[in-house]
């Protein structure tokens, strides 16, 4: 299990030691991570601008390959993570935000594909 002393699950910044959480050592240099600001420490892979492999990553789509090999993803991903049920139980507000971000990401992907298809049809 990935419990803190108080029985809570560790946040991504505690697992990855990125130090971009509120009052972290690297906040002055890199800014506070959006996962910390948005209280999404168990869902960082769906957010744009989190660290991965020591550097700030792009959109959720762009970082999927990097994040799918990450310990945080393997623990907390709502589809495949070993601690997915506990995240939902212990952090229902984060779970709701996670679902909202996924829906937004899917909607943006659909809009892109729809616009691309319209453009491609117009080119014929």
C-alpha atoms as a PDB file:
ATOM      1  CA  UNK A   1       0.000   0.000   0.000  1.00  0.00           C
ATOM      2  CA  UNK A   2       0.966   3.589  -0.491  1.00  0.00           C
ATOM      3  CA  UNK A   3      -0.280   5.041   2.807  1.00  0.00           C
ATOM      4  CA  UNK A   4       0.998   8.035   4.688  1.00  0.00           C
ATOM      5  CA  UNK A   5       1.377   7.746   8.443  1.00  0.00           C
ATOM      6  CA  UNK A   6      -2.209   8.983   8.913  1.00  0.00           C
ATOM      7  CA  UNK A   7      -3.681   6.366   6.531  1.00  0.00           C
ATOM      8  CA  UNK A   8      -4.096   8.766   3.614  1.00  0.00           C
ATOM      9  CA  UNK A   9      -2.691   7.997   0.177  1.00  0.00           C
ATOM     10  CA  UNK A  10       0.476   9.828  -0.814  1.00  0.00           C
ATOM     11  CA  UNK A  11       0.198  12.605  -3.387  1.00  0.00           C
ATOM     12  CA  UNK A  12       2.131  12.491  -6.645  1.00  0.00           C
ATOM     13  CA  UNK A  13       4.653  15.051  -5.390  1.00  0.00           C
ATOM     14  CA  UNK A  14       5.419  12.845  -2.392  1.00  0.00           C
ATOM     15  CA  UNK A  15       5.965   9.789  -4.592  1.00  0.00           C
ATOM     16  CA  UNK A  16       7.956  11.543  -7.322  1.00  0.00           C
ATOM     17  CA  UNK A  17       9.722  14.041  -5.028  1.00  0.00           C
ATOM     18  CA  UNK A  18       9.305  16.881  -7.532  1.00  0.00           C
ATOM     19  CA  UNK A  19       9.031  19.524  -4.753  1.00  0.00           C
ATOM     20  CA  UNK A  20       6.503  21.624  -6.718  1.00  0.00           C
ATOM     21  CA  UNK A  21       3.742  21.329  -4.100  1.00  0.00           C
ATOM     22  CA  UNK A  22       2.739  24.351  -2.025  1.00  0.00           C
ATOM     23  CA  UNK A  23       5.857  25.556  -0.149  1.00  0.00           C
ATOM     24  CA  UNK A  24       8.013  22.972  -1.969  1.00  0.00           C
ATOM     25  CA  UNK A  25      11.721  23.579  -2.598  1.00  0.00           C
ATOM     26  CA  UNK A  26      11.326  24.019  -6.387  1.00  0.00           C
ATOM     27  CA  UNK A  27       8.264  26.303  -6.397  1.00  0.00           C
ATOM     28  CA  UNK A  28      10.408  29.451  -6.769  1.00  0.00           C
ATOM     29  CA  UNK A  29      12.226  27.923  -9.740  1.00  0.00           C
ATOM     30  CA  UNK A  30       9.399  26.058 -11.526  1.00  0.00           C
ATOM     31  CA  UNK A  31       6.180  27.381  -9.956  1.00  0.00           C
ATOM     32  CA  UNK A  32       3.625  25.468  -7.954  1.00  0.00           C
ATOM     33  CA  UNK A  33       2.366  22.441  -9.832  1.00  0.00           C
ATOM     34  CA  UNK A  34      -1.206  22.519 -11.053  1.00  0.00           C
ATOM     35  CA  UNK A  35      -1.797  19.132  -9.380  1.00  0.00           C
ATOM     36  CA  UNK A  36      -1.001  20.768  -6.041  1.00  0.00           C
ATOM     37  CA  UNK A  37      -2.997  23.946  -6.761  1.00  0.00           C
ATOM     38  CA  UNK A  38      -6.034  21.993  -7.931  1.00  0.00           C
ATOM     39  CA  UNK A  39      -5.818  19.297  -5.213  1.00  0.00           C
ATOM     40  CA  UNK A  40      -5.299  16.587  -7.836  1.00  0.00           C
ATOM     41  CA  UNK A  41      -2.318  14.763  -6.303  1.00  0.00           C
ATOM     42  CA  UNK A  42      -3.772  11.373  -7.254  1.00  0.00           C
ATOM     43  CA  UNK A  43      -4.733  12.367 -10.815  1.00  0.00           C
ATOM     44  CA  UNK A  44      -1.793  14.360 -12.169  1.00  0.00           C
ATOM     45  CA  UNK A  45      -1.605  12.594 -15.557  1.00  0.00           C
ATOM     46  CA  UNK A  46      -4.856  14.202 -16.749  1.00  0.00           C
ATOM     47  CA  UNK A  47      -3.532  17.729 -16.153  1.00  0.00           C
ATOM     48  CA  UNK A  48      -1.458  19.849 -18.493  1.00  0.00           C
ATOM     49  CA  UNK A  49       1.785  21.208 -17.009  1.00  0.00           C
ATOM     50  CA  UNK A  50       2.757  18.573 -14.447  1.00  0.00           C
ATOM     51  CA  UNK A  51       6.287  17.187 -14.208  1.00  0.00           C
ATOM     52  CA  UNK A  52       7.234  13.890 -15.785  1.00  0.00           C
ATOM     53  CA  UNK A  53      10.734  12.515 -16.229  1.00  0.00           C
ATOM     54  CA  UNK A  54      12.113  15.655 -14.588  1.00  0.00           C
ATOM     55  CA  UNK A  55      10.549  18.202 -16.942  1.00  0.00           C
ATOM     56  CA  UNK A  56       7.214  19.940 -17.381  1.00  0.00           C
ATOM     57  CA  UNK A  57       4.993  17.909 -19.694  1.00  0.00           C
ATOM     58  CA  UNK A  58       2.421  19.055 -22.240  1.00  0.00           C
ATOM     59  CA  UNK A  59      -1.233  18.127 -22.603  1.00  0.00           C
ATOM     60  CA  UNK A  60      -2.777  14.944 -21.229  1.00  0.00           C
ATOM     61  CA  UNK A  61      -2.693  13.427 -24.721  1.00  0.00           C
ATOM     62  CA  UNK A  62       0.977  14.302 -25.226  1.00  0.00           C
ATOM     63  CA  UNK A  63       2.082  12.826 -21.918  1.00  0.00           C
ATOM     64  CA  UNK A  64       0.113   9.587 -22.024  1.00  0.00           C
ATOM     65  CA  UNK A  65       3.137   7.450 -22.993  1.00  0.00           C
ATOM     66  CA  UNK A  66       5.313   8.932 -20.241  1.00  0.00           C
ATOM     67  CA  UNK A  67       2.652   8.791 -17.543  1.00  0.00           C
ATOM     68  CA  UNK A  68       1.446   5.254 -18.234  1.00  0.00           C
ATOM     69  CA  UNK A  69       4.819   3.993 -16.943  1.00  0.00           C
ATOM     70  CA  UNK A  70       4.740   6.184 -13.811  1.00  0.00           C
ATOM     71  CA  UNK A  71       4.200   4.775 -10.315  1.00  0.00           C
ATOM     72  CA  UNK A  72       1.492   7.360  -9.579  1.00  0.00           C
ATOM     73  CA  UNK A  73      -0.476   6.365 -12.698  1.00  0.00           C
ATOM     74  CA  UNK A  74      -0.127   2.651 -11.931  1.00  0.00           C
ATOM     75  CA  UNK A  75      -1.383   3.230  -8.393  1.00  0.00           C
ATOM     76  CA  UNK A  76      -4.201   5.719  -8.924  1.00  0.00           C
ATOM     77  CA  UNK A  77      -5.498   5.498 -12.503  1.00  0.00           C
ATOM     78  CA  UNK A  78      -9.265   4.950 -12.166  1.00  0.00           C
ATOM     79  CA  UNK A  79      -9.268   2.193 -14.787  1.00  0.00           C
ATOM     80  CA  UNK A  80      -6.118   0.197 -14.019  1.00  0.00           C
ATOM     81  CA  UNK A  81      -4.583   1.530 -10.800  1.00  0.00           C
ATOM     82  CA  UNK A  82      -4.084  -0.793  -7.854  1.00  0.00           C
ATOM     83  CA  UNK A  83      -5.404   1.877  -5.444  1.00  0.00           C
ATOM     84  CA  UNK A  84      -8.176   3.244  -7.724  1.00  0.00           C
ATOM     85  CA  UNK A  85     -11.024   2.325  -5.381  1.00  0.00           C
ATOM     86  CA  UNK A  86      -9.339   3.898  -2.375  1.00  0.00           C
ATOM     87  CA  UNK A  87      -8.741   7.141  -4.287  1.00  0.00           C
ATOM     88  CA  UNK A  88     -12.448   7.330  -5.088  1.00  0.00           C
ATOM     89  CA  UNK A  89     -13.407   6.552  -1.489  1.00  0.00           C
ATOM     90  CA  UNK A  90     -10.894   8.833   0.252  1.00  0.00           C
ATOM     91  CA  UNK A  91     -10.959  11.751  -2.206  1.00  0.00           C
ATOM     92  CA  UNK A  92     -14.465  12.014  -3.718  1.00  0.00           C
ATOM     93  CA  UNK A  93     -13.987  15.700  -4.640  1.00  0.00           C
ATOM     94  CA  UNK A  94     -10.808  14.891  -6.561  1.00  0.00           C
ATOM     95  CA  UNK A  95     -12.559  11.963  -8.206  1.00  0.00           C
ATOM     96  CA  UNK A  96     -15.315  14.297  -9.443  1.00  0.00           C
ATOM     97  CA  UNK A  97     -12.731  16.780 -10.791  1.00  0.00           C
ATOM     98  CA  UNK A  98     -10.871  13.874 -12.448  1.00  0.00           C
ATOM     99  CA  UNK A  99     -14.059  12.820 -14.232  1.00  0.00           C
ATOM    100  CA  UNK A 100     -14.716  16.418 -15.289  1.00  0.00           C
ATOM    101  CA  UNK A 101     -11.219  16.822 -16.731  1.00  0.00           C
ATOM    102  CA  UNK A 102     -11.530  13.537 -18.624  1.00  0.00           C
ATOM    103  CA  UNK A 103     -14.830  14.650 -20.146  1.00  0.00           C
ATOM    104  CA  UNK A 104     -13.296  18.004 -21.119  1.00  0.00           C
ATOM    105  CA  UNK A 105     -10.256  16.273 -22.658  1.00  0.00           C
ATOM    106  CA  UNK A 106     -12.495  13.902 -24.639  1.00  0.00           C
ATOM    107  CA  UNK A 107     -14.660  16.815 -25.773  1.00  0.00           C
ATOM    108  CA  UNK A 108     -11.601  18.752 -26.966  1.00  0.00           C
ATOM    109  CA  UNK A 109     -10.314  15.667 -28.790  1.00  0.00           C
ATOM    110  CA  UNK A 110     -13.711  15.217 -30.463  1.00  0.00           C
ATOM    111  CA  UNK A 111     -13.803  18.899 -31.504  1.00  0.00           C
ATOM    112  CA  UNK A 112     -10.313  18.572 -33.003  1.00  0.00           C
ATOM    113  CA  UNK A 113     -11.266  15.441 -34.947  1.00  0.00           C
ATOM    114  CA  UNK A 114     -14.543  16.987 -36.075  1.00  0.00           C
ATOM    115  CA  UNK A 115     -12.782  20.149 -37.273  1.00  0.00           C
ATOM    116  CA  UNK A 116     -10.089  18.100 -39.000  1.00  0.00           C
ATOM    117  CA  UNK A 117     -12.672  15.922 -40.750  1.00  0.00           C
ATOM    118  CA  UNK A 118     -14.571  19.024 -41.916  1.00  0.00           C
ATOM    119  CA  UNK A 119     -11.335  20.513 -43.227  1.00  0.00           C
ATOM    120  CA  UNK A 120     -10.357  17.263 -44.976  1.00  0.00           C
ATOM    121  CA  UNK A 121     -13.778  16.962 -46.635  1.00  0.00           C
ATOM    122  CA  UNK A 122     -13.598  20.573 -47.816  1.00  0.00           C
ATOM    123  CA  UNK A 123     -10.205  19.884 -49.434  1.00  0.00           C
ATOM    124  CA  UNK A 124     -11.694  17.135 -51.666  1.00  0.00           C
END
